[in-house]
Amino acid sequence: MEIQKKCYIIGSGEFEATYFHPGREDYLIAADGGYHRFVSLGLIPNLLIGDFDSIGKFELSDEEAREKGIRIERLPKEKNDTDLLAAIRVGLDEGCRDFHIFGGTGGRIDHTIANIQCLTYLSIQGCKGHLYGSNYELFTITNNRVTFEPLEQGMIAVFAMGDRAEGVYLTGLKYPLINATITKDYPIGVSNEFLGIESYIEVQNGTLLVVHYLTIL
């Protein structure tokens, strides 16, 4: 069975190394200032991409990059795609369908919101995308279901990404929903909890943002 390579992207925001576990076959991208995270981990990314407004002293010359085997893609400062979305597009071109994004939260709130929208872009493409914060991960599902093992503990929340998400099921959680509709203006999906049994979240029509806490609050 062929191993599907994952795409690991590090940006310049808050970074929690606990959940950063790329394999040899995976594709590694430094988005602008995220390059210094790779340096601190002793890893070499396949690609360094961005407009280089936050990389600072870690900027590489083209010659140094070639010696390290790093491809550099310099983006204009005035552009439509964010550095992260540009990185995601490269990952898709490389054949990746499973994305793990670090350094994309904290700092400027508009950047964090933009990165959450990138998760929606991935799920609409039929891909998986995980955005990791200090003690949580964010991901979106579009017309799909995600299942959690019985050992899962702690809290979880869901929000509609769009006007409404229909056919929502929260099963095996403290506060279940059955064929519900979640809208963008009523936060009914906050502060749910795992019960130590298999559980799942499903949306039949629309996109849900899932906030999954990785440590018990």
N, C-alpha and C. Protein backbone atom coordinates (compact mmCIF):
# COMPACT_ATOMS: atom_id res chain seq x y z
N MET A 1 0.85 -1.20 0.00
CA MET A 1 0.00 0.00 0.00
C MET A 1 0.88 1.24 0.00
N GLU A 2 0.62 2.17 -0.90
CA GLU A 2 1.41 3.38 -1.01
C GLU A 2 1.12 4.32 0.15
N ILE A 3 2.19 4.85 0.77
CA ILE A 3 2.05 5.80 1.86
C ILE A 3 1.73 7.18 1.28
N GLN A 4 0.66 7.78 1.77
CA GLN A 4 0.28 9.10 1.31
C GLN A 4 1.04 10.15 2.10
N LYS A 5 1.84 10.95 1.42
CA LYS A 5 2.61 11.97 2.14
C LYS A 5 1.70 13.08 2.62
N LYS A 6 2.02 13.58 3.80
CA LYS A 6 1.31 14.69 4.39
C LYS A 6 2.09 15.98 4.14
N CYS A 7 1.42 17.09 4.26
CA CYS A 7 2.08 18.39 4.14
C CYS A 7 2.10 19.05 5.51
N TYR A 8 3.29 19.36 5.99
CA TYR A 8 3.46 20.08 7.26
C TYR A 8 3.91 21.50 6.95
N ILE A 9 3.15 22.47 7.44
CA ILE A 9 3.44 23.88 7.20
C ILE A 9 3.65 24.57 8.54
N ILE A 10 4.71 25.35 8.66
CA ILE A 10 4.92 26.16 9.86
C ILE A 10 4.94 27.63 9.47
N GLY A 11 4.09 28.42 10.13
CA GLY A 11 4.09 29.86 9.97
C GLY A 11 4.82 30.53 11.12
N SER A 12 4.65 31.82 11.25
CA SER A 12 5.41 32.59 12.23
C SER A 12 4.65 32.86 13.52
N GLY A 13 3.46 32.25 13.70
CA GLY A 13 2.67 32.45 14.91
C GLY A 13 3.09 31.53 16.05
N GLU A 14 2.18 31.34 17.02
CA GLU A 14 2.49 30.50 18.16
C GLU A 14 2.71 29.06 17.70
N PHE A 15 3.65 28.38 18.35
CA PHE A 15 4.05 27.05 17.89
C PHE A 15 4.12 26.09 19.06
N GLU A 16 3.46 24.95 18.92
CA GLU A 16 3.51 23.88 19.91
C GLU A 16 4.10 22.64 19.27
N ALA A 17 5.35 22.34 19.63
CA ALA A 17 6.09 21.25 18.98
C ALA A 17 5.57 19.87 19.36
N THR A 18 4.77 19.79 20.42
CA THR A 18 4.29 18.49 20.91
C THR A 18 3.61 17.68 19.81
N TYR A 19 2.89 18.35 18.94
CA TYR A 19 2.08 17.66 17.94
C TYR A 19 2.72 17.68 16.55
N PHE A 20 3.97 18.09 16.48
CA PHE A 20 4.65 18.19 15.20
C PHE A 20 5.49 16.93 14.98
N HIS A 21 4.98 16.02 14.15
CA HIS A 21 5.64 14.73 13.95
C HIS A 21 5.66 14.34 12.47
N PRO A 22 6.38 15.07 11.63
CA PRO A 22 6.43 14.70 10.21
C PRO A 22 7.24 13.44 10.00
N GLY A 23 6.87 12.70 8.94
CA GLY A 23 7.64 11.52 8.56
C GLY A 23 8.60 11.86 7.42
N ARG A 24 9.46 10.93 7.10
CA ARG A 24 10.45 11.16 6.05
C ARG A 24 9.82 11.44 4.71
N GLU A 25 8.67 10.85 4.47
CA GLU A 25 8.03 10.98 3.16
C GLU A 25 7.20 12.26 3.04
N ASP A 26 7.03 13.01 4.13
CA ASP A 26 6.14 14.16 4.13
C ASP A 26 6.81 15.39 3.53
N TYR A 27 5.97 16.33 3.09
CA TYR A 27 6.45 17.55 2.44
C TYR A 27 6.40 18.69 3.45
N LEU A 28 7.54 19.34 3.66
CA LEU A 28 7.68 20.36 4.70
C LEU A 28 7.79 21.75 4.08
N ILE A 29 6.95 22.67 4.56
CA ILE A 29 6.94 24.03 4.03
C ILE A 29 7.10 25.03 5.17
N ALA A 30 8.04 25.94 5.00
CA ALA A 30 8.17 27.09 5.91
C ALA A 30 7.49 28.28 5.25
N ALA A 31 6.46 28.80 5.92
CA ALA A 31 5.77 29.98 5.41
C ALA A 31 6.39 31.20 6.07
N ASP A 32 7.23 31.90 5.30
CA ASP A 32 7.89 33.12 5.75
C ASP A 32 8.65 32.88 7.06
N GLY A 33 8.29 33.60 8.14
CA GLY A 33 9.03 33.51 9.39
C GLY A 33 8.98 32.16 10.05
N GLY A 34 8.16 31.25 9.55
CA GLY A 34 8.14 29.89 10.09
C GLY A 34 9.45 29.15 9.87
N TYR A 35 10.31 29.71 9.01
CA TYR A 35 11.59 29.04 8.75
C TYR A 35 12.43 28.89 10.01
N HIS A 36 12.36 29.90 10.91
CA HIS A 36 13.20 29.80 12.11
C HIS A 36 12.77 28.67 13.02
N ARG A 37 11.49 28.24 12.91
CA ARG A 37 11.03 27.07 13.68
C ARG A 37 11.73 25.80 13.18
N PHE A 38 11.84 25.68 11.87
CA PHE A 38 12.56 24.53 11.32
C PHE A 38 14.01 24.54 11.79
N VAL A 39 14.63 25.72 11.78
CA VAL A 39 16.01 25.84 12.25
C VAL A 39 16.13 25.37 13.69
N SER A 40 15.20 25.81 14.55
CA SER A 40 15.26 25.44 15.96
C SER A 40 15.04 23.95 16.18
N LEU A 41 14.30 23.31 15.25
CA LEU A 41 14.05 21.87 15.35
C LEU A 41 15.12 21.04 14.67
N GLY A 42 16.07 21.71 14.00
CA GLY A 42 17.11 20.99 13.29
C GLY A 42 16.62 20.30 12.04
N LEU A 43 15.55 20.86 11.44
CA LEU A 43 14.96 20.28 10.23
C LEU A 43 15.12 21.23 9.05
N ILE A 44 15.14 20.66 7.87
CA ILE A 44 15.26 21.45 6.64
C ILE A 44 13.97 21.31 5.85
N PRO A 45 13.26 22.40 5.60
CA PRO A 45 12.03 22.31 4.82
C PRO A 45 12.32 22.07 3.34
N ASN A 46 11.34 21.50 2.66
CA ASN A 46 11.45 21.36 1.22
C ASN A 46 11.28 22.70 0.51
N LEU A 47 10.47 23.58 1.14
CA LEU A 47 10.13 24.85 0.51
C LEU A 47 10.09 25.95 1.54
N LEU A 48 10.62 27.11 1.17
CA LEU A 48 10.47 28.35 1.94
C LEU A 48 9.71 29.31 1.04
N ILE A 49 8.50 29.72 1.49
CA ILE A 49 7.64 30.54 0.65
C ILE A 49 7.12 31.73 1.44
N GLY A 50 6.98 32.88 0.78
CA GLY A 50 6.41 34.05 1.42
C GLY A 50 6.93 35.34 0.82
N ASP A 51 6.41 36.45 1.36
CA ASP A 51 6.92 37.75 0.93
C ASP A 51 8.09 38.20 1.80
N PHE A 52 8.44 37.36 2.78
CA PHE A 52 9.62 37.54 3.64
C PHE A 52 9.56 38.83 4.44
N ASP A 53 8.35 39.16 4.95
CA ASP A 53 8.23 40.33 5.81
C ASP A 53 8.46 40.00 7.28
N SER A 54 8.54 38.70 7.61
CA SER A 54 8.71 38.32 9.01
C SER A 54 9.85 37.34 9.24
N ILE A 55 10.63 37.05 8.22
CA ILE A 55 11.68 36.05 8.38
C ILE A 55 12.93 36.64 9.03
N GLY A 56 13.15 37.94 8.89
CA GLY A 56 14.24 38.61 9.59
C GLY A 56 15.61 38.04 9.25
N LYS A 57 16.39 37.78 10.29
CA LYS A 57 17.77 37.38 10.09
C LYS A 57 17.92 36.00 9.48
N PHE A 58 16.83 35.25 9.37
CA PHE A 58 16.92 33.90 8.85
C PHE A 58 16.77 33.84 7.33
N GLU A 59 16.65 34.99 6.68
CA GLU A 59 16.51 34.96 5.23
C GLU A 59 17.73 34.31 4.60
N LEU A 60 17.46 33.44 3.64
CA LEU A 60 18.52 32.70 2.97
C LEU A 60 18.79 33.30 1.60
N SER A 61 20.04 33.25 1.19
CA SER A 61 20.36 33.56 -0.20
C SER A 61 19.97 32.36 -1.05
N ASP A 62 19.79 32.58 -2.33
CA ASP A 62 19.45 31.47 -3.23
C ASP A 62 20.54 30.41 -3.22
N GLU A 63 21.80 30.84 -3.13
CA GLU A 63 22.90 29.88 -3.12
C GLU A 63 22.88 29.02 -1.85
N GLU A 64 22.65 29.65 -0.71
CA GLU A 64 22.57 28.90 0.55
C GLU A 64 21.40 27.92 0.52
N ALA A 65 20.29 28.35 -0.06
CA ALA A 65 19.13 27.48 -0.14
C ALA A 65 19.42 26.26 -1.01
N ARG A 66 20.09 26.47 -2.15
CA ARG A 66 20.43 25.34 -3.03
C ARG A 66 21.33 24.35 -2.31
N GLU A 67 22.28 24.86 -1.53
CA GLU A 67 23.19 23.98 -0.80
C GLU A 67 22.44 23.12 0.21
N LYS A 68 21.37 23.68 0.78
CA LYS A 68 20.58 22.95 1.77
C LYS A 68 19.47 22.12 1.13
N GLY A 69 19.26 22.28 -0.16
CA GLY A 69 18.19 21.57 -0.84
C GLY A 69 16.82 22.18 -0.61
N ILE A 70 16.79 23.48 -0.32
CA ILE A 70 15.53 24.18 -0.07
C ILE A 70 15.13 24.97 -1.30
N ARG A 71 13.92 24.77 -1.74
CA ARG A 71 13.37 25.60 -2.82
C ARG A 71 12.82 26.89 -2.22
N ILE A 72 13.10 28.01 -2.83
CA ILE A 72 12.59 29.30 -2.37
C ILE A 72 11.59 29.86 -3.38
N GLU A 73 10.43 30.26 -2.88
CA GLU A 73 9.44 30.93 -3.72
C GLU A 73 9.11 32.27 -3.08
N ARG A 74 9.57 33.35 -3.71
CA ARG A 74 9.36 34.69 -3.18
C ARG A 74 8.06 35.27 -3.74
N LEU A 75 7.19 35.70 -2.84
CA LEU A 75 5.90 36.24 -3.23
C LEU A 75 5.93 37.77 -3.12
N PRO A 76 5.16 38.45 -3.95
CA PRO A 76 5.07 39.91 -3.82
C PRO A 76 4.35 40.29 -2.53
N LYS A 77 4.67 41.45 -1.97
CA LYS A 77 4.02 41.89 -0.74
C LYS A 77 2.54 42.23 -0.98
N GLU A 78 2.22 42.71 -2.16
CA GLU A 78 0.83 43.01 -2.50
C GLU A 78 0.30 41.88 -3.37
N LYS A 79 -0.58 41.06 -2.78
CA LYS A 79 -1.05 39.86 -3.46
C LYS A 79 -2.42 39.48 -2.91
N ASN A 80 -3.11 38.59 -3.60
CA ASN A 80 -4.42 38.13 -3.14
C ASN A 80 -4.29 37.00 -2.14
N ASP A 81 -3.43 36.01 -2.41
CA ASP A 81 -3.26 34.87 -1.51
C ASP A 81 -2.38 35.25 -0.32
N THR A 82 -2.76 34.78 0.86
CA THR A 82 -1.86 34.91 2.00
C THR A 82 -0.68 33.95 1.81
N ASP A 83 0.38 34.14 2.60
CA ASP A 83 1.51 33.22 2.52
C ASP A 83 1.07 31.78 2.78
N LEU A 84 0.15 31.60 3.75
CA LEU A 84 -0.30 30.25 4.09
C LEU A 84 -1.09 29.62 2.96
N LEU A 85 -1.99 30.39 2.35
CA LEU A 85 -2.77 29.83 1.25
C LEU A 85 -1.86 29.49 0.07
N ALA A 86 -0.87 30.33 -0.19
CA ALA A 86 0.10 30.02 -1.25
C ALA A 86 0.84 28.73 -0.93
N ALA A 87 1.19 28.54 0.34
CA ALA A 87 1.86 27.30 0.75
C ALA A 87 0.95 26.09 0.55
N ILE A 88 -0.32 26.25 0.89
CA ILE A 88 -1.28 25.15 0.72
C ILE A 88 -1.41 24.78 -0.76
N ARG A 89 -1.46 25.76 -1.63
CA ARG A 89 -1.59 25.48 -3.06
C ARG A 89 -0.39 24.67 -3.56
N VAL A 90 0.80 24.98 -3.05
CA VAL A 90 1.98 24.20 -3.44
C VAL A 90 1.85 22.77 -2.92
N GLY A 91 1.39 22.62 -1.67
CA GLY A 91 1.20 21.28 -1.12
C GLY A 91 0.22 20.46 -1.94
N LEU A 92 -0.85 21.09 -2.41
CA LEU A 92 -1.81 20.40 -3.28
C LEU A 92 -1.15 19.98 -4.58
N ASP A 93 -0.34 20.87 -5.16
CA ASP A 93 0.37 20.54 -6.39
C ASP A 93 1.34 19.37 -6.19
N GLU A 94 1.85 19.22 -4.96
CA GLU A 94 2.76 18.12 -4.64
C GLU A 94 2.02 16.81 -4.38
N GLY A 95 0.70 16.84 -4.46
CA GLY A 95 -0.09 15.63 -4.27
C GLY A 95 -0.53 15.37 -2.85
N CYS A 96 -0.35 16.33 -1.95
CA CYS A 96 -0.74 16.15 -0.55
C CYS A 96 -2.25 16.36 -0.40
N ARG A 97 -2.86 15.56 0.46
CA ARG A 97 -4.29 15.71 0.74
C ARG A 97 -4.56 15.85 2.23
N ASP A 98 -3.51 15.78 3.03
CA ASP A 98 -3.61 15.85 4.49
C ASP A 98 -2.62 16.91 4.97
N PHE A 99 -3.13 18.02 5.53
CA PHE A 99 -2.30 19.17 5.87
C PHE A 99 -2.30 19.40 7.39
N HIS A 100 -1.10 19.62 7.93
CA HIS A 100 -0.93 19.91 9.35
C HIS A 100 -0.21 21.25 9.46
N ILE A 101 -0.93 22.24 10.00
CA ILE A 101 -0.46 23.63 9.96
C ILE A 101 -0.15 24.12 11.37
N PHE A 102 1.06 24.62 11.54
CA PHE A 102 1.53 25.13 12.83
C PHE A 102 1.94 26.59 12.67
N GLY A 103 1.96 27.32 13.79
CA GLY A 103 2.35 28.72 13.70
C GLY A 103 1.35 29.56 12.95
N GLY A 104 0.09 29.14 12.94
CA GLY A 104 -0.95 29.88 12.22
C GLY A 104 -1.99 30.50 13.14
N THR A 105 -1.73 30.47 14.46
CA THR A 105 -2.63 31.09 15.43
C THR A 105 -1.82 32.02 16.32
N GLY A 106 -2.52 32.79 17.16
CA GLY A 106 -1.83 33.78 17.98
C GLY A 106 -1.47 34.98 17.13
N GLY A 107 -0.92 36.01 17.75
CA GLY A 107 -0.56 37.18 16.97
C GLY A 107 -1.79 37.89 16.45
N ARG A 108 -1.73 38.37 15.23
CA ARG A 108 -2.83 39.15 14.66
C ARG A 108 -4.06 38.29 14.42
N ILE A 109 -5.21 38.76 14.93
CA ILE A 109 -6.44 37.98 14.83
C ILE A 109 -6.89 37.84 13.38
N ASP A 110 -6.62 38.85 12.51
CA ASP A 110 -7.04 38.72 11.12
C ASP A 110 -6.28 37.60 10.43
N HIS A 111 -5.01 37.40 10.81
CA HIS A 111 -4.25 36.28 10.24
C HIS A 111 -4.84 34.94 10.68
N THR A 112 -5.21 34.85 11.96
CA THR A 112 -5.80 33.60 12.45
C THR A 112 -7.11 33.29 11.74
N ILE A 113 -7.96 34.30 11.58
CA ILE A 113 -9.23 34.09 10.87
C ILE A 113 -8.97 33.67 9.43
N ALA A 114 -8.02 34.31 8.78
CA ALA A 114 -7.68 33.94 7.40
C ALA A 114 -7.23 32.48 7.33
N ASN A 115 -6.46 32.05 8.33
CA ASN A 115 -5.98 30.67 8.33
C ASN A 115 -7.11 29.67 8.57
N ILE A 116 -8.10 30.07 9.37
CA ILE A 116 -9.28 29.22 9.54
C ILE A 116 -10.03 29.10 8.22
N GLN A 117 -10.11 30.19 7.48
CA GLN A 117 -10.76 30.13 6.16
C GLN A 117 -9.99 29.19 5.23
N CYS A 118 -8.69 29.12 5.38
CA CYS A 118 -7.90 28.19 4.57
C CYS A 118 -8.29 26.74 4.87
N LEU A 119 -8.67 26.46 6.12
CA LEU A 119 -9.14 25.11 6.46
C LEU A 119 -10.42 24.79 5.69
N THR A 120 -11.30 25.79 5.58
CA THR A 120 -12.54 25.59 4.82
C THR A 120 -12.22 25.33 3.35
N TYR A 121 -11.27 26.07 2.82
CA TYR A 121 -10.83 25.85 1.44
C TYR A 121 -10.39 24.40 1.25
N LEU A 122 -9.62 23.88 2.19
CA LEU A 122 -9.13 22.50 2.08
C LEU A 122 -10.28 21.50 2.15
N SER A 123 -11.20 21.68 3.09
CA SER A 123 -12.27 20.69 3.22
C SER A 123 -13.20 20.70 2.01
N ILE A 124 -13.41 21.88 1.41
CA ILE A 124 -14.22 21.94 0.19
C ILE A 124 -13.52 21.21 -0.95
N GLN A 125 -12.17 21.20 -0.92
CA GLN A 125 -11.40 20.46 -1.92
C GLN A 125 -11.37 18.96 -1.65
N GLY A 126 -12.01 18.53 -0.55
CA GLY A 126 -12.00 17.12 -0.19
C GLY A 126 -10.75 16.70 0.54
N CYS A 127 -10.02 17.68 1.09
CA CYS A 127 -8.77 17.40 1.81
C CYS A 127 -8.98 17.58 3.31
N LYS A 128 -8.01 17.09 4.07
CA LYS A 128 -8.00 17.29 5.51
C LYS A 128 -7.04 18.44 5.83
N GLY A 129 -7.42 19.27 6.80
CA GLY A 129 -6.55 20.34 7.24
C GLY A 129 -6.67 20.52 8.74
N HIS A 130 -5.55 20.55 9.44
CA HIS A 130 -5.52 20.72 10.89
C HIS A 130 -4.66 21.93 11.21
N LEU A 131 -5.21 22.87 11.96
CA LEU A 131 -4.50 24.07 12.39
C LEU A 131 -4.30 23.97 13.90
N TYR A 132 -3.03 23.93 14.33
CA TYR A 132 -2.72 23.66 15.73
C TYR A 132 -2.40 24.95 16.48
N GLY A 133 -3.03 25.12 17.66
CA GLY A 133 -2.70 26.18 18.59
C GLY A 133 -1.94 25.61 19.77
N SER A 134 -1.93 26.34 20.88
CA SER A 134 -1.13 25.92 22.03
C SER A 134 -1.68 24.67 22.71
N ASN A 135 -3.00 24.52 22.76
CA ASN A 135 -3.58 23.34 23.40
C ASN A 135 -4.80 22.82 22.64
N TYR A 136 -4.90 23.15 21.37
CA TYR A 136 -6.07 22.77 20.60
C TYR A 136 -5.71 22.62 19.13
N GLU A 137 -6.59 21.96 18.42
CA GLU A 137 -6.52 21.93 16.95
C GLU A 137 -7.85 22.38 16.39
N LEU A 138 -7.79 23.03 15.24
CA LEU A 138 -8.97 23.44 14.51
C LEU A 138 -9.01 22.67 13.19
N PHE A 139 -10.18 22.20 12.80
CA PHE A 139 -10.33 21.63 11.47
C PHE A 139 -11.76 21.81 11.01
N THR A 140 -11.99 21.69 9.73
CA THR A 140 -13.33 21.82 9.19
C THR A 140 -13.73 20.55 8.47
N ILE A 141 -15.01 20.27 8.46
CA ILE A 141 -15.55 19.16 7.67
C ILE A 141 -16.68 19.70 6.81
N THR A 142 -16.72 19.27 5.57
CA THR A 142 -17.75 19.68 4.63
C THR A 142 -18.47 18.45 4.12
N ASN A 143 -19.78 18.37 4.41
CA ASN A 143 -20.59 17.22 3.97
C ASN A 143 -19.90 15.91 4.34
N ASN A 144 -19.50 15.80 5.59
CA ASN A 144 -18.66 14.67 5.98
C ASN A 144 -18.86 14.37 7.46
N ARG A 145 -18.12 13.34 7.92
CA ARG A 145 -18.19 12.91 9.32
C ARG A 145 -16.78 12.67 9.85
N VAL A 146 -16.57 12.98 11.13
CA VAL A 146 -15.32 12.66 11.81
C VAL A 146 -15.66 11.86 13.06
N THR A 147 -14.89 10.79 13.30
CA THR A 147 -15.14 9.89 14.43
C THR A 147 -14.01 10.00 15.44
N PHE A 148 -14.35 9.92 16.73
CA PHE A 148 -13.37 9.98 17.81
C PHE A 148 -13.41 8.67 18.60
N GLU A 149 -12.23 8.21 19.00
CA GLU A 149 -12.12 6.96 19.75
C GLU A 149 -12.66 7.11 21.16
N PRO A 150 -13.03 5.98 21.82
CA PRO A 150 -13.60 6.05 23.18
C PRO A 150 -12.67 6.69 24.21
N LEU A 151 -11.35 6.65 24.00
CA LEU A 151 -10.41 7.19 24.98
C LEU A 151 -10.33 8.72 24.94
N GLU A 152 -10.97 9.33 23.95
CA GLU A 152 -10.91 10.79 23.84
C GLU A 152 -11.54 11.45 25.07
N GLN A 153 -10.85 12.48 25.59
CA GLN A 153 -11.32 13.19 26.77
C GLN A 153 -11.31 14.70 26.52
N GLY A 154 -12.02 15.42 27.38
CA GLY A 154 -11.95 16.87 27.31
C GLY A 154 -13.12 17.49 26.56
N MET A 155 -12.84 18.66 25.97
CA MET A 155 -13.91 19.47 25.39
C MET A 155 -13.77 19.61 23.88
N ILE A 156 -14.89 19.91 23.26
CA ILE A 156 -14.94 20.09 21.82
C ILE A 156 -16.08 21.06 21.49
N ALA A 157 -15.96 21.77 20.39
CA ALA A 157 -17.00 22.72 19.99
C ALA A 157 -17.12 22.72 18.48
N VAL A 158 -18.30 23.11 17.98
CA VAL A 158 -18.52 23.20 16.53
C VAL A 158 -19.21 24.52 16.21
N PHE A 159 -18.89 25.05 15.03
CA PHE A 159 -19.47 26.30 14.55
C PHE A 159 -19.76 26.18 13.06
N ALA A 160 -20.79 26.87 12.60
CA ALA A 160 -21.11 26.88 11.17
C ALA A 160 -20.15 27.81 10.44
N MET A 161 -19.58 27.31 9.36
CA MET A 161 -18.73 28.13 8.48
C MET A 161 -19.55 28.44 7.23
N GLY A 162 -20.30 29.49 7.28
CA GLY A 162 -21.25 29.82 6.24
C GLY A 162 -22.56 30.20 6.92
N ASP A 163 -23.58 30.49 6.15
CA ASP A 163 -24.86 30.90 6.75
C ASP A 163 -25.44 29.82 7.65
N ARG A 164 -25.35 28.57 7.21
CA ARG A 164 -25.95 27.48 7.98
C ARG A 164 -25.29 26.15 7.62
N ALA A 165 -25.33 25.24 8.57
CA ALA A 165 -24.88 23.87 8.36
C ALA A 165 -26.05 22.97 8.75
N GLU A 166 -26.49 22.14 7.81
CA GLU A 166 -27.70 21.35 8.01
C GLU A 166 -27.37 19.87 8.16
N GLY A 167 -28.29 19.17 8.81
CA GLY A 167 -28.08 17.74 9.03
C GLY A 167 -26.89 17.50 9.94
N VAL A 168 -26.84 18.24 11.05
CA VAL A 168 -25.71 18.12 11.99
C VAL A 168 -26.06 17.09 13.06
N TYR A 169 -25.13 16.15 13.25
CA TYR A 169 -25.27 15.14 14.29
C TYR A 169 -24.06 15.21 15.22
N LEU A 170 -24.31 15.33 16.52
CA LEU A 170 -23.28 15.20 17.54
C LEU A 170 -23.67 13.98 18.36
N THR A 171 -22.96 12.91 18.17
CA THR A 171 -23.34 11.62 18.76
C THR A 171 -22.24 11.13 19.70
N GLY A 172 -22.64 10.66 20.88
CA GLY A 172 -21.68 10.17 21.86
C GLY A 172 -21.03 11.27 22.67
N LEU A 173 -21.55 12.50 22.58
CA LEU A 173 -21.05 13.64 23.34
C LEU A 173 -22.06 14.01 24.43
N LYS A 174 -21.63 14.84 25.39
CA LYS A 174 -22.49 15.20 26.51
C LYS A 174 -23.75 15.89 26.04
N TYR A 175 -23.63 16.75 25.03
CA TYR A 175 -24.79 17.47 24.50
C TYR A 175 -25.00 17.06 23.05
N PRO A 176 -25.86 16.07 22.82
CA PRO A 176 -26.05 15.55 21.46
C PRO A 176 -26.94 16.46 20.62
N LEU A 177 -26.78 16.34 19.31
CA LEU A 177 -27.69 16.95 18.37
C LEU A 177 -28.08 15.89 17.35
N ILE A 178 -29.32 15.93 16.90
CA ILE A 178 -29.81 14.97 15.91
C ILE A 178 -30.44 15.74 14.76
N ASN A 179 -29.83 15.63 13.60
CA ASN A 179 -30.36 16.28 12.40
C ASN A 179 -30.67 17.76 12.64
N ALA A 180 -29.73 18.44 13.27
CA ALA A 180 -29.93 19.84 13.64
C ALA A 180 -29.40 20.77 12.55
N THR A 181 -29.81 22.02 12.63
CA THR A 181 -29.27 23.08 11.78
C THR A 181 -28.54 24.08 12.68
N ILE A 182 -27.27 24.31 12.36
CA ILE A 182 -26.47 25.29 13.09
C ILE A 182 -26.26 26.49 12.18
N THR A 183 -26.51 27.68 12.72
CA THR A 183 -26.37 28.90 11.93
C THR A 183 -25.18 29.72 12.41
N LYS A 184 -24.78 30.69 11.59
CA LYS A 184 -23.60 31.50 11.90
C LYS A 184 -23.84 32.51 13.01
N ASP A 185 -25.12 32.73 13.40
CA ASP A 185 -25.43 33.79 14.37
C ASP A 185 -25.91 33.26 15.72
N TYR A 186 -25.77 31.93 15.94
CA TYR A 186 -26.20 31.36 17.23
C TYR A 186 -25.22 30.26 17.64
N PRO A 187 -24.38 30.53 18.66
CA PRO A 187 -23.30 29.59 19.01
C PRO A 187 -23.77 28.43 19.87
N ILE A 188 -24.58 27.56 19.31
CA ILE A 188 -25.13 26.44 20.08
C ILE A 188 -24.11 25.32 20.29
N GLY A 189 -23.01 25.35 19.54
CA GLY A 189 -22.10 24.20 19.57
C GLY A 189 -20.92 24.32 20.51
N VAL A 190 -20.91 25.33 21.40
CA VAL A 190 -19.74 25.52 22.27
C VAL A 190 -19.78 24.58 23.47
N SER A 191 -18.60 24.35 24.07
CA SER A 191 -18.45 23.70 25.37
C SER A 191 -19.11 22.33 25.46
N ASN A 192 -18.94 21.52 24.43
CA ASN A 192 -19.38 20.13 24.52
C ASN A 192 -18.26 19.29 25.11
N GLU A 193 -18.58 18.05 25.49
CA GLU A 193 -17.59 17.21 26.18
C GLU A 193 -17.67 15.77 25.70
N PHE A 194 -16.51 15.11 25.71
CA PHE A 194 -16.45 13.68 25.43
C PHE A 194 -16.90 12.90 26.66
N LEU A 195 -17.45 11.70 26.43
CA LEU A 195 -17.99 10.88 27.52
C LEU A 195 -17.24 9.58 27.71
N GLY A 196 -16.14 9.39 26.99
CA GLY A 196 -15.41 8.13 27.12
C GLY A 196 -15.99 7.01 26.29
N ILE A 197 -16.83 7.35 25.32
CA ILE A 197 -17.36 6.37 24.38
C ILE A 197 -17.08 6.86 22.97
N GLU A 198 -17.19 5.97 22.00
CA GLU A 198 -16.98 6.41 20.61
C GLU A 198 -17.99 7.51 20.28
N SER A 199 -17.52 8.54 19.61
CA SER A 199 -18.38 9.67 19.28
C SER A 199 -18.09 10.12 17.86
N TYR A 200 -19.02 10.87 17.30
CA TYR A 200 -18.77 11.42 15.97
C TYR A 200 -19.52 12.72 15.78
N ILE A 201 -18.99 13.51 14.85
CA ILE A 201 -19.61 14.75 14.41
C ILE A 201 -19.86 14.62 12.92
N GLU A 202 -21.05 14.95 12.49
CA GLU A 202 -21.41 14.83 11.08
C GLU A 202 -22.17 16.06 10.62
N VAL A 203 -21.91 16.49 9.40
CA VAL A 203 -22.71 17.53 8.76
C VAL A 203 -23.04 17.03 7.36
N GLN A 204 -24.33 17.06 7.02
CA GLN A 204 -24.77 16.54 5.73
C GLN A 204 -24.78 17.59 4.63
N ASN A 205 -24.95 18.85 5.01
CA ASN A 205 -25.00 19.92 4.02
C ASN A 205 -24.40 21.18 4.62
N GLY A 206 -23.15 21.47 4.24
CA GLY A 206 -22.48 22.65 4.76
C GLY A 206 -21.12 22.32 5.34
N THR A 207 -20.55 23.29 6.02
CA THR A 207 -19.22 23.14 6.59
C THR A 207 -19.24 23.50 8.07
N LEU A 208 -18.62 22.67 8.88
CA LEU A 208 -18.48 22.92 10.31
C LEU A 208 -17.02 23.17 10.65
N LEU A 209 -16.77 24.16 11.50
CA LEU A 209 -15.47 24.33 12.12
C LEU A 209 -15.50 23.58 13.44
N VAL A 210 -14.53 22.72 13.65
CA VAL A 210 -14.43 21.94 14.89
C VAL A 210 -13.25 22.44 15.70
N VAL A 211 -13.49 22.78 16.96
CA VAL A 211 -12.43 23.17 17.90
C VAL A 211 -12.24 21.99 18.85
N HIS A 212 -11.11 21.33 18.73
CA HIS A 212 -10.83 20.12 19.50
C HIS A 212 -9.68 20.40 20.46
N TYR A 213 -9.99 20.45 21.75
CA TYR A 213 -8.97 20.71 22.76
C TYR A 213 -8.13 19.46 22.99
N LEU A 214 -6.82 19.60 22.89
CA LEU A 214 -5.91 18.47 22.97
C LEU A 214 -5.43 18.21 24.40
N THR A 215 -5.71 19.14 25.30
CA THR A 215 -5.45 18.93 26.72
C THR A 215 -6.74 19.20 27.48
N ILE A 216 -6.87 18.59 28.65
CA ILE A 216 -8.09 18.76 29.44
C ILE A 216 -8.05 20.10 30.15
N LEU A 217 -9.10 20.90 29.94
CA LEU A 217 -9.16 22.24 30.53
C LEU A 217 -9.72 22.17 31.95
